[in-house]
Amino acid sequence: MVWNALAAGVGVRAAVPFYGPPPANMAGLAATRAAVSAVYAEQDTRITGSKDAVEAELKRDGQPYKITVYPGVDHAFHNDTGQRYNAAQAEAAWIATIEWFRRYVAA
């Protein structure tokens, strides 16, 4: 959802997509005005395999971005109701998310 919103030009200052597939309109990411911190799971190769293409588009827009691949976890590692939940990595991703929003939204 977040990638699609960014590619469609939704006006937000910052975004943190969590392990989502890239948007159908990848080129739209090059026009986003948001600071983007992308969260990927190392073992979720279906999604994480797209990170290089996403990064190429984010580089084109010149806005701040960060791509983090959390090691040893699979898709939905942040979902504390599922079997793939990883408390340590989920906490690290959450802290990084809040810090990103503090830096680019609250500024």
PDB file of N, CA and C in Angstrom:
ATOM      1  N   MET A   1       0.816  -1.192   0.000  1.00  0.00           N
ATOM      2  CA  MET A   1       0.000   0.000   0.000  1.00  0.00           C
ATOM      3  C   MET A   1       0.866   1.265   0.000  1.00  0.00           C
ATOM      4  N   VAL A   2       1.903   1.262   0.829  1.00  0.00           N
ATOM      5  CA  VAL A   2       2.742   2.458   0.936  1.00  0.00           C
ATOM      6  C   VAL A   2       3.476   2.735  -0.374  1.00  0.00           C
ATOM      7  N   TRP A   3       4.037   1.687  -0.984  1.00  0.00           N
ATOM      8  CA  TRP A   3       4.736   1.895  -2.256  1.00  0.00           C
ATOM      9  C   TRP A   3       3.786   2.448  -3.315  1.00  0.00           C
ATOM     10  N   ASN A   4       2.576   1.919  -3.384  1.00  0.00           N
ATOM     11  CA  ASN A   4       1.608   2.407  -4.369  1.00  0.00           C
ATOM     12  C   ASN A   4       1.236   3.860  -4.113  1.00  0.00           C
ATOM     13  N   ALA A   5       1.075   4.230  -2.852  1.00  0.00           N
ATOM     14  CA  ALA A   5       0.752   5.616  -2.516  1.00  0.00           C
ATOM     15  C   ALA A   5       1.894   6.550  -2.943  1.00  0.00           C
ATOM     16  N   LEU A   6       3.117   6.145  -2.670  1.00  0.00           N
ATOM     17  CA  LEU A   6       4.263   6.966  -3.070  1.00  0.00           C
ATOM     18  C   LEU A   6       4.362   7.096  -4.584  1.00  0.00           C
ATOM     19  N   ALA A   7       4.179   5.996  -5.284  1.00  0.00           N
ATOM     20  CA  ALA A   7       4.264   6.011  -6.749  1.00  0.00           C
ATOM     21  C   ALA A   7       3.148   6.845  -7.366  1.00  0.00           C
ATOM     22  N   ALA A   8       2.028   6.942  -6.675  1.00  0.00           N
ATOM     23  CA  ALA A   8       0.901   7.730  -7.170  1.00  0.00           C
ATOM     24  C   ALA A   8       1.044   9.216  -6.856  1.00  0.00           C
ATOM     25  N   GLY A   9       2.067   9.567  -6.091  1.00  0.00           N
ATOM     26  CA  GLY A   9       2.306  10.978  -5.807  1.00  0.00           C
ATOM     27  C   GLY A   9       1.606  11.524  -4.584  1.00  0.00           C
ATOM     28  N   VAL A  10       1.178  10.663  -3.673  1.00  0.00           N
ATOM     29  CA  VAL A  10       0.546  11.134  -2.443  1.00  0.00           C
ATOM     30  C   VAL A  10       1.537  12.033  -1.711  1.00  0.00           C
ATOM     31  N   GLY A  11       1.063  13.173  -1.267  1.00  0.00           N
ATOM     32  CA  GLY A  11       1.936  14.165  -0.646  1.00  0.00           C
ATOM     33  C   GLY A  11       2.196  13.904   0.822  1.00  0.00           C
ATOM     34  N   VAL A  12       3.218  13.135   1.111  1.00  0.00           N
ATOM     35  CA  VAL A  12       3.634  12.908   2.491  1.00  0.00           C
ATOM     36  C   VAL A  12       5.099  13.295   2.612  1.00  0.00           C
ATOM     37  N   ARG A  13       5.518  13.642   3.812  1.00  0.00           N
ATOM     38  CA  ARG A  13       6.909  14.043   4.020  1.00  0.00           C
ATOM     39  C   ARG A  13       7.834  12.853   4.198  1.00  0.00           C
ATOM     40  N   ALA A  14       7.287  11.757   4.748  1.00  0.00           N
ATOM     41  CA  ALA A  14       8.102  10.569   4.995  1.00  0.00           C
ATOM     42  C   ALA A  14       7.231   9.328   4.924  1.00  0.00           C
ATOM     43  N   ALA A  15       7.879   8.202   4.608  1.00  0.00           N
ATOM     44  CA  ALA A  15       7.158   6.926   4.531  1.00  0.00           C
ATOM     45  C   ALA A  15       8.114   5.802   4.902  1.00  0.00           C
ATOM     46  N   VAL A  16       7.530   4.745   5.487  1.00  0.00           N
ATOM     47  CA  VAL A  16       8.324   3.569   5.856  1.00  0.00           C
ATOM     48  C   VAL A  16       7.549   2.322   5.432  1.00  0.00           C
ATOM     49  N   PRO A  17       7.739   1.901   4.188  1.00  0.00           N
ATOM     50  CA  PRO A  17       7.085   0.664   3.750  1.00  0.00           C
ATOM     51  C   PRO A  17       7.770  -0.559   4.360  1.00  0.00           C
ATOM     52  N   PHE A  18       6.956  -1.425   4.936  1.00  0.00           N
ATOM     53  CA  PHE A  18       7.449  -2.662   5.549  1.00  0.00           C
ATOM     54  C   PHE A  18       7.220  -3.817   4.595  1.00  0.00           C
ATOM     55  N   TYR A  19       8.276  -4.413   4.116  1.00  0.00           N
ATOM     56  CA  TYR A  19       8.308  -5.626   3.293  1.00  0.00           C
ATOM     57  C   TYR A  19       7.127  -5.786   2.343  1.00  0.00           C
ATOM     58  N   GLY A  20       6.868  -4.744   1.599  1.00  0.00           N
ATOM     59  CA  GLY A  20       5.795  -4.809   0.611  1.00  0.00           C
ATOM     60  C   GLY A  20       6.344  -4.932  -0.789  1.00  0.00           C
ATOM     61  N   PRO A  21       5.552  -5.502  -1.689  1.00  0.00           N
ATOM     62  CA  PRO A  21       5.999  -5.603  -3.082  1.00  0.00           C
ATOM     63  C   PRO A  21       6.084  -4.207  -3.703  1.00  0.00           C
ATOM     64  N   PRO A  22       6.920  -4.053  -4.698  1.00  0.00           N
ATOM     65  CA  PRO A  22       7.032  -2.743  -5.337  1.00  0.00           C
ATOM     66  C   PRO A  22       5.742  -2.390  -6.067  1.00  0.00           C
ATOM     67  N   PRO A  23       5.541  -1.105  -6.327  1.00  0.00           N
ATOM     68  CA  PRO A  23       4.339  -0.705  -7.041  1.00  0.00           C
ATOM     69  C   PRO A  23       4.402  -1.118  -8.509  1.00  0.00           C
ATOM     70  N   ALA A  24       3.248  -1.240  -9.115  1.00  0.00           N
ATOM     71  CA  ALA A  24       3.199  -1.536 -10.552  1.00  0.00           C
ATOM     72  C   ALA A  24       3.868  -0.404 -11.341  1.00  0.00           C
ATOM     73  N   ASN A  25       3.713   0.814 -10.866  1.00  0.00           N
ATOM     74  CA  ASN A  25       4.301   1.986 -11.505  1.00  0.00           C
ATOM     75  C   ASN A  25       5.613   2.343 -10.801  1.00  0.00           C
ATOM     76  N   MET A  26       6.639   1.540 -11.018  1.00  0.00           N
ATOM     77  CA  MET A  26       7.926   1.788 -10.358  1.00  0.00           C
ATOM     78  C   MET A  26       8.474   3.175 -10.676  1.00  0.00           C
ATOM     79  N   ALA A  27       8.274   3.639 -11.892  1.00  0.00           N
ATOM     80  CA  ALA A  27       8.800   4.945 -12.282  1.00  0.00           C
ATOM     81  C   ALA A  27       8.214   6.071 -11.442  1.00  0.00           C
ATOM     82  N   GLY A  28       7.031   5.860 -10.883  1.00  0.00           N
ATOM     83  CA  GLY A  28       6.418   6.864 -10.026  1.00  0.00           C
ATOM     84  C   GLY A  28       7.234   7.141  -8.774  1.00  0.00           C
ATOM     85  N   LEU A  29       8.028   6.176  -8.349  1.00  0.00           N
ATOM     86  CA  LEU A  29       8.860   6.389  -7.160  1.00  0.00           C
ATOM     87  C   LEU A  29       9.906   7.467  -7.389  1.00  0.00           C
ATOM     88  N   ALA A  30      10.310   7.653  -8.623  1.00  0.00           N
ATOM     89  CA  ALA A  30      11.317   8.664  -8.935  1.00  0.00           C
ATOM     90  C   ALA A  30      10.784  10.079  -8.750  1.00  0.00           C
ATOM     91  N   ALA A  31       9.486  10.228  -8.625  1.00  0.00           N
ATOM     92  CA  ALA A  31       8.889  11.550  -8.464  1.00  0.00           C
ATOM     93  C   ALA A  31       8.418  11.825  -7.039  1.00  0.00           C
ATOM     94  N   THR A  32       8.578  10.869  -6.139  1.00  0.00           N
ATOM     95  CA  THR A  32       8.095  11.099  -4.784  1.00  0.00           C
ATOM     96  C   THR A  32       8.902  12.199  -4.105  1.00  0.00           C
ATOM     97  N   ARG A  33       8.250  12.940  -3.265  1.00  0.00           N
ATOM     98  CA  ARG A  33       8.918  13.991  -2.493  1.00  0.00           C
ATOM     99  C   ARG A  33       9.131  13.536  -1.058  1.00  0.00           C
ATOM    100  N   ALA A  34       8.843  12.302  -0.774  1.00  0.00           N
ATOM    101  CA  ALA A  34       8.950  11.776   0.585  1.00  0.00           C
ATOM    102  C   ALA A  34      10.337  11.210   0.858  1.00  0.00           C
ATOM    103  N   ALA A  35      10.745  11.306   2.100  1.00  0.00           N
ATOM    104  CA  ALA A  35      11.930  10.592   2.578  1.00  0.00           C
ATOM    105  C   ALA A  35      11.459   9.165   2.872  1.00  0.00           C
ATOM    106  N   VAL A  36      12.121   8.180   2.278  1.00  0.00           N
ATOM    107  CA  VAL A  36      11.640   6.799   2.356  1.00  0.00           C
ATOM    108  C   VAL A  36      12.664   5.906   3.054  1.00  0.00           C
ATOM    109  N   SER A  37      12.189   5.186   4.055  1.00  0.00           N
ATOM    110  CA  SER A  37      13.000   4.173   4.729  1.00  0.00           C
ATOM    111  C   SER A  37      12.314   2.834   4.499  1.00  0.00           C
ATOM    112  N   ALA A  38      12.890   2.006   3.645  1.00  0.00           N
ATOM    113  CA  ALA A  38      12.278   0.733   3.271  1.00  0.00           C
ATOM    114  C   ALA A  38      12.769  -0.396   4.179  1.00  0.00           C
ATOM    115  N   VAL A  39      11.838  -1.197   4.664  1.00  0.00           N
ATOM    116  CA  VAL A  39      12.139  -2.309   5.561  1.00  0.00           C
ATOM    117  C   VAL A  39      11.933  -3.620   4.810  1.00  0.00           C
ATOM    118  N   TYR A  40      12.995  -4.417   4.755  1.00  0.00           N
ATOM    119  CA  TYR A  40      12.938  -5.711   4.087  1.00  0.00           C
ATOM    120  C   TYR A  40      13.364  -6.817   5.040  1.00  0.00           C
ATOM    121  N   ALA A  41      12.894  -8.022   4.751  1.00  0.00           N
ATOM    122  CA  ALA A  41      13.246  -9.213   5.528  1.00  0.00           C
ATOM    123  C   ALA A  41      14.168 -10.087   4.681  1.00  0.00           C
ATOM    124  N   GLU A  42      15.313 -10.428   5.221  1.00  0.00           N
ATOM    125  CA  GLU A  42      16.329 -11.173   4.475  1.00  0.00           C
ATOM    126  C   GLU A  42      15.782 -12.448   3.829  1.00  0.00           C
ATOM    127  N   GLN A  43      14.971 -13.198   4.529  1.00  0.00           N
ATOM    128  CA  GLN A  43      14.499 -14.492   4.019  1.00  0.00           C
ATOM    129  C   GLN A  43      13.290 -14.373   3.093  1.00  0.00           C
ATOM    130  N   ASP A  44      12.753 -13.192   2.963  1.00  0.00           N
ATOM    131  CA  ASP A  44      11.599 -12.963   2.082  1.00  0.00           C
ATOM    132  C   ASP A  44      12.110 -12.592   0.695  1.00  0.00           C
ATOM    133  N   THR A  45      12.718 -13.544   0.020  1.00  0.00           N
ATOM    134  CA  THR A  45      13.392 -13.247  -1.246  1.00  0.00           C
ATOM    135  C   THR A  45      12.447 -12.765  -2.336  1.00  0.00           C
ATOM    136  N   ARG A  46      11.187 -13.159  -2.287  1.00  0.00           N
ATOM    137  CA  ARG A  46      10.224 -12.695  -3.293  1.00  0.00           C
ATOM    138  C   ARG A  46      10.103 -11.168  -3.253  1.00  0.00           C
ATOM    139  N   ILE A  47      10.062 -10.617  -2.071  1.00  0.00           N
ATOM    140  CA  ILE A  47       9.926  -9.162  -1.924  1.00  0.00           C
ATOM    141  C   ILE A  47      11.300  -8.485  -1.923  1.00  0.00           C
ATOM    142  N   THR A  48      12.216  -9.013  -1.147  1.00  0.00           N
ATOM    143  CA  THR A  48      13.538  -8.401  -1.026  1.00  0.00           C
ATOM    144  C   THR A  48      14.279  -8.391  -2.358  1.00  0.00           C
ATOM    145  N   GLY A  49      13.952  -9.321  -3.242  1.00  0.00           N
ATOM    146  CA  GLY A  49      14.569  -9.354  -4.561  1.00  0.00           C
ATOM    147  C   GLY A  49      14.296  -8.116  -5.399  1.00  0.00           C
ATOM    148  N   SER A  50      13.289  -7.333  -5.030  1.00  0.00           N
ATOM    149  CA  SER A  50      12.957  -6.124  -5.785  1.00  0.00           C
ATOM    150  C   SER A  50      13.640  -4.873  -5.239  1.00  0.00           C
ATOM    151  N   LYS A  51      14.375  -4.998  -4.155  1.00  0.00           N
ATOM    152  CA  LYS A  51      14.914  -3.804  -3.494  1.00  0.00           C
ATOM    153  C   LYS A  51      15.889  -3.011  -4.370  1.00  0.00           C
ATOM    154  N   ASP A  52      16.664  -3.688  -5.201  1.00  0.00           N
ATOM    155  CA  ASP A  52      17.603  -2.954  -6.043  1.00  0.00           C
ATOM    156  C   ASP A  52      16.887  -2.089  -7.080  1.00  0.00           C
ATOM    157  N   ALA A  53      15.815  -2.606  -7.647  1.00  0.00           N
ATOM    158  CA  ALA A  53      15.028  -1.827  -8.609  1.00  0.00           C
ATOM    159  C   ALA A  53      14.341  -0.648  -7.919  1.00  0.00           C
ATOM    160  N   VAL A  54      13.839  -0.889  -6.716  1.00  0.00           N
ATOM    161  CA  VAL A  54      13.219   0.190  -5.939  1.00  0.00           C
ATOM    162  C   VAL A  54      14.263   1.252  -5.624  1.00  0.00           C
ATOM    163  N   GLU A  55      15.431   0.817  -5.186  1.00  0.00           N
ATOM    164  CA  GLU A  55      16.484   1.774  -4.849  1.00  0.00           C
ATOM    165  C   GLU A  55      16.895   2.615  -6.063  1.00  0.00           C
ATOM    166  N   ALA A  56      16.966   2.005  -7.220  1.00  0.00           N
ATOM    167  CA  ALA A  56      17.332   2.751  -8.427  1.00  0.00           C
ATOM    168  C   ALA A  56      16.353   3.895  -8.677  1.00  0.00           C
ATOM    169  N   GLU A  57      15.070   3.645  -8.469  1.00  0.00           N
ATOM    170  CA  GLU A  57      14.066   4.704  -8.664  1.00  0.00           C
ATOM    171  C   GLU A  57      14.169   5.759  -7.569  1.00  0.00           C
ATOM    172  N   LEU A  58      14.373   5.334  -6.325  1.00  0.00           N
ATOM    173  CA  LEU A  58      14.490   6.300  -5.231  1.00  0.00           C
ATOM    174  C   LEU A  58      15.713   7.196  -5.413  1.00  0.00           C
ATOM    175  N   LYS A  59      16.783   6.671  -5.946  1.00  0.00           N
ATOM    176  CA  LYS A  59      17.987   7.473  -6.194  1.00  0.00           C
ATOM    177  C   LYS A  59      17.705   8.597  -7.184  1.00  0.00           C
ATOM    178  N   ARG A  60      16.830   8.325  -8.136  1.00  0.00           N
ATOM    179  CA  ARG A  60      16.533   9.308  -9.185  1.00  0.00           C
ATOM    180  C   ARG A  60      15.838  10.539  -8.645  1.00  0.00           C
ATOM    181  N   ASP A  61      15.070  10.416  -7.547  1.00  0.00           N
ATOM    182  CA  ASP A  61      14.311  11.579  -7.064  1.00  0.00           C
ATOM    183  C   ASP A  61      15.127  12.503  -6.178  1.00  0.00           C
ATOM    184  N   GLY A  62      16.262  12.035  -5.680  1.00  0.00           N
ATOM    185  CA  GLY A  62      17.132  12.895  -4.889  1.00  0.00           C
ATOM    186  C   GLY A  62      16.688  13.114  -3.456  1.00  0.00           C
ATOM    187  N   GLN A  63      15.614  12.497  -3.044  1.00  0.00           N
ATOM    188  CA  GLN A  63      15.142  12.626  -1.664  1.00  0.00           C
ATOM    189  C   GLN A  63      15.906  11.642  -0.775  1.00  0.00           C
ATOM    190  N   PRO A  64      15.950  11.911   0.515  1.00  0.00           N
ATOM    191  CA  PRO A  64      16.615  10.965   1.414  1.00  0.00           C
ATOM    192  C   PRO A  64      15.908   9.606   1.373  1.00  0.00           C
ATOM    193  N   TYR A  65      16.706   8.563   1.407  1.00  0.00           N
ATOM    194  CA  TYR A  65      16.128   7.223   1.487  1.00  0.00           C
ATOM    195  C   TYR A  65      17.104   6.306   2.199  1.00  0.00           C
ATOM    196  N   LYS A  66      16.571   5.239   2.729  1.00  0.00           N
ATOM    197  CA  LYS A  66      17.370   4.223   3.397  1.00  0.00           C
ATOM    198  C   LYS A  66      16.690   2.889   3.152  1.00  0.00           C
ATOM    199  N   ILE A  67      17.497   1.888   2.854  1.00  0.00           N
ATOM    200  CA  ILE A  67      16.982   0.535   2.680  1.00  0.00           C
ATOM    201  C   ILE A  67      17.662  -0.351   3.713  1.00  0.00           C
ATOM    202  N   THR A  68      16.847  -1.021   4.521  1.00  0.00           N
ATOM    203  CA  THR A  68      17.380  -1.897   5.554  1.00  0.00           C
ATOM    204  C   THR A  68      16.829  -3.298   5.351  1.00  0.00           C
ATOM    205  N   VAL A  69      17.739  -4.260   5.274  1.00  0.00           N
ATOM    206  CA  VAL A  69      17.359  -5.667   5.192  1.00  0.00           C
ATOM    207  C   VAL A  69      17.661  -6.277   6.553  1.00  0.00           C
ATOM    208  N   TYR A  70      16.611  -6.670   7.263  1.00  0.00           N
ATOM    209  CA  TYR A  70      16.788  -7.240   8.591  1.00  0.00           C
ATOM    210  C   TYR A  70      17.186  -8.710   8.458  1.00  0.00           C
ATOM    211  N   PRO A  71      18.330  -9.083   9.024  1.00  0.00           N
ATOM    212  CA  PRO A  71      18.860 -10.438   8.844  1.00  0.00           C
ATOM    213  C   PRO A  71      18.092 -11.495   9.641  1.00  0.00           C
ATOM    214  N   GLY A  72      18.031 -12.684   9.055  1.00  0.00           N
ATOM    215  CA  GLY A  72      17.487 -13.835   9.756  1.00  0.00           C
ATOM    216  C   GLY A  72      15.986 -13.870   9.924  1.00  0.00           C
ATOM    217  N   VAL A  73      15.269 -12.989   9.236  1.00  0.00           N
ATOM    218  CA  VAL A  73      13.813 -12.947   9.387  1.00  0.00           C
ATOM    219  C   VAL A  73      13.111 -13.096   8.038  1.00  0.00           C
ATOM    220  N   ASP A  74      11.835 -13.462   8.112  1.00  0.00           N
ATOM    221  CA  ASP A  74      11.024 -13.665   6.922  1.00  0.00           C
ATOM    222  C   ASP A  74       9.908 -12.620   6.892  1.00  0.00           C
ATOM    223  N   HIS A  75       9.148 -12.639   5.824  1.00  0.00           N
ATOM    224  CA  HIS A  75       7.996 -11.755   5.669  1.00  0.00           C
ATOM    225  C   HIS A  75       7.137 -11.803   6.929  1.00  0.00           C
ATOM    226  N   ALA A  76       6.645 -10.669   7.347  1.00  0.00           N
ATOM    227  CA  ALA A  76       5.767 -10.535   8.514  1.00  0.00           C
ATOM    228  C   ALA A  76       6.510 -10.681   9.838  1.00  0.00           C
ATOM    229  N   PHE A  77       7.803 -10.427   9.851  1.00  0.00           N
ATOM    230  CA  PHE A  77       8.550 -10.540  11.107  1.00  0.00           C
ATOM    231  C   PHE A  77       8.108  -9.518  12.147  1.00  0.00           C
ATOM    232  N   HIS A  78       7.406  -8.491  11.721  1.00  0.00           N
ATOM    233  CA  HIS A  78       6.942  -7.448  12.639  1.00  0.00           C
ATOM    234  C   HIS A  78       5.539  -7.734  13.180  1.00  0.00           C
ATOM    235  N   ASN A  79       4.877  -8.734  12.675  1.00  0.00           N
ATOM    236  CA  ASN A  79       3.512  -9.086  13.082  1.00  0.00           C
ATOM    237  C   ASN A  79       3.556  -9.951  14.339  1.00  0.00           C
ATOM    238  N   ASP A  80       3.242  -9.353  15.474  1.00  0.00           N
ATOM    239  CA  ASP A  80       3.359 -10.082  16.732  1.00  0.00           C
ATOM    240  C   ASP A  80       2.238 -11.091  16.979  1.00  0.00           C
ATOM    241  N   THR A  81       1.371 -11.283  16.008  1.00  0.00           N
ATOM    242  CA  THR A  81       0.328 -12.312  16.141  1.00  0.00           C
ATOM    243  C   THR A  81       0.632 -13.549  15.305  1.00  0.00           C
ATOM    244  N   GLY A  82       1.750 -13.550  14.604  1.00  0.00           N
ATOM    245  CA  GLY A  82       2.069 -14.663  13.714  1.00  0.00           C
ATOM    246  C   GLY A  82       3.304 -15.425  14.139  1.00  0.00           C
ATOM    247  N   GLN A  83       3.516 -16.558  13.514  1.00  0.00           N
ATOM    248  CA  GLN A  83       4.637 -17.427  13.851  1.00  0.00           C
ATOM    249  C   GLN A  83       5.984 -16.877  13.374  1.00  0.00           C
ATOM    250  N   ARG A  84       5.972 -15.963  12.437  1.00  0.00           N
ATOM    251  CA  ARG A  84       7.228 -15.417  11.924  1.00  0.00           C
ATOM    252  C   ARG A  84       7.732 -14.219  12.728  1.00  0.00           C
ATOM    253  N   TYR A  85       6.982 -13.841  13.724  1.00  0.00           N
ATOM    254  CA  TYR A  85       7.351 -12.694  14.550  1.00  0.00           C
ATOM    255  C   TYR A  85       8.726 -12.893  15.167  1.00  0.00           C
ATOM    256  N   ASN A  86       9.538 -11.842  15.095  1.00  0.00           N
ATOM    257  CA  ASN A  86      10.863 -11.855  15.696  1.00  0.00           C
ATOM    258  C   ASN A  86      10.960 -10.592  16.546  1.00  0.00           C
ATOM    259  N   ALA A  87      10.854 -10.757  17.845  1.00  0.00           N
ATOM    260  CA  ALA A  87      10.776  -9.610  18.750  1.00  0.00           C
ATOM    261  C   ALA A  87      11.970  -8.673  18.627  1.00  0.00           C
ATOM    262  N   ALA A  88      13.166  -9.222  18.557  1.00  0.00           N
ATOM    263  CA  ALA A  88      14.359  -8.371  18.505  1.00  0.00           C
ATOM    264  C   ALA A  88      14.410  -7.552  17.217  1.00  0.00           C
ATOM    265  N   GLN A  89      14.162  -8.189  16.087  1.00  0.00           N
ATOM    266  CA  GLN A  89      14.212  -7.465  14.815  1.00  0.00           C
ATOM    267  C   GLN A  89      13.020  -6.525  14.666  1.00  0.00           C
ATOM    268  N   ALA A  90      11.869  -6.931  15.176  1.00  0.00           N
ATOM    269  CA  ALA A  90      10.695  -6.061  15.124  1.00  0.00           C
ATOM    270  C   ALA A  90      10.942  -4.786  15.933  1.00  0.00           C
ATOM    271  N   GLU A  91      11.540  -4.935  17.090  1.00  0.00           N
ATOM    272  CA  GLU A  91      11.837  -3.766  17.914  1.00  0.00           C
ATOM    273  C   GLU A  91      12.846  -2.855  17.212  1.00  0.00           C
ATOM    274  N   ALA A  92      13.870  -3.455  16.628  1.00  0.00           N
ATOM    275  CA  ALA A  92      14.867  -2.651  15.901  1.00  0.00           C
ATOM    276  C   ALA A  92      14.221  -1.884  14.750  1.00  0.00           C
ATOM    277  N   ALA A  93      13.340  -2.557  14.003  1.00  0.00           N
ATOM    278  CA  ALA A  93      12.660  -1.905  12.876  1.00  0.00           C
ATOM    279  C   ALA A  93      11.732  -0.799  13.372  1.00  0.00           C
ATOM    280  N   TRP A  94      11.053  -1.038  14.483  1.00  0.00           N
ATOM    281  CA  TRP A  94      10.130  -0.034  15.019  1.00  0.00           C
ATOM    282  C   TRP A  94      10.887   1.201  15.502  1.00  0.00           C
ATOM    283  N   ILE A  95      11.978   0.997  16.207  1.00  0.00           N
ATOM    284  CA  ILE A  95      12.784   2.125  16.683  1.00  0.00           C
ATOM    285  C   ILE A  95      13.311   2.926  15.490  1.00  0.00           C
ATOM    286  N   ALA A  96      13.796   2.233  14.472  1.00  0.00           N
ATOM    287  CA  ALA A  96      14.286   2.921  13.271  1.00  0.00           C
ATOM    288  C   ALA A  96      13.166   3.699  12.583  1.00  0.00           C
ATOM    289  N   THR A  97      11.964   3.133  12.573  1.00  0.00           N
ATOM    290  CA  THR A  97      10.812   3.800  11.966  1.00  0.00           C
ATOM    291  C   THR A  97      10.482   5.095  12.701  1.00  0.00           C
ATOM    292  N   ILE A  98      10.397   5.023  14.006  1.00  0.00           N
ATOM    293  CA  ILE A  98      10.081   6.218  14.803  1.00  0.00           C
ATOM    294  C   ILE A  98      11.167   7.279  14.621  1.00  0.00           C
ATOM    295  N   GLU A  99      12.418   6.857  14.626  1.00  0.00           N
ATOM    296  CA  GLU A  99      13.514   7.811  14.409  1.00  0.00           C
ATOM    297  C   GLU A  99      13.416   8.462  13.036  1.00  0.00           C
ATOM    298  N   TRP A 100      13.043   7.687  12.011  1.00  0.00           N
ATOM    299  CA  TRP A 100      12.898   8.233  10.662  1.00  0.00           C
ATOM    300  C   TRP A 100      11.798   9.293  10.628  1.00  0.00           C
ATOM    301  N   PHE A 101      10.666   8.981  11.238  1.00  0.00           N
ATOM    302  CA  PHE A 101       9.566   9.942  11.256  1.00  0.00           C
ATOM    303  C   PHE A 101       9.932  11.184  12.086  1.00  0.00           C
ATOM    304  N   ARG A 102      10.616  11.005  13.172  1.00  0.00           N
ATOM    305  CA  ARG A 102      11.050  12.171  13.968  1.00  0.00           C
ATOM    306  C   ARG A 102      11.958  13.071  13.133  1.00  0.00           C
ATOM    307  N   ARG A 103      12.812  12.447  12.368  1.00  0.00           N
ATOM    308  CA  ARG A 103      13.770  13.234  11.578  1.00  0.00           C
ATOM    309  C   ARG A 103      13.109  13.957  10.410  1.00  0.00           C
ATOM    310  N   TYR A 104      12.182  13.295   9.716  1.00  0.00           N
ATOM    311  CA  TYR A 104      11.646  13.856   8.476  1.00  0.00           C
ATOM    312  C   TYR A 104      10.222  14.395   8.554  1.00  0.00           C
ATOM    313  N   VAL A 105       9.501  14.081   9.612  1.00  0.00           N
ATOM    314  CA  VAL A 105       8.144  14.625   9.748  1.00  0.00           C
ATOM    315  C   VAL A 105       8.100  15.683  10.835  1.00  0.00           C
ATOM    316  N   ALA A 106       8.667  15.374  11.962  1.00  0.00           N
ATOM    317  CA  ALA A 106       8.592  16.275  13.099  1.00  0.00           C
ATOM    318  C   ALA A 106       9.550  17.455  12.981  1.00  0.00           C
ATOM    319  N   ALA A 107      10.413  17.398  11.990  1.00  0.00           N
ATOM    320  CA  ALA A 107      11.432  18.472  11.843  1.00  0.00           C
ATOM    321  C   ALA A 107      10.822  19.776  11.413  1.00  0.00           C
TER     322      ALA A 107
END
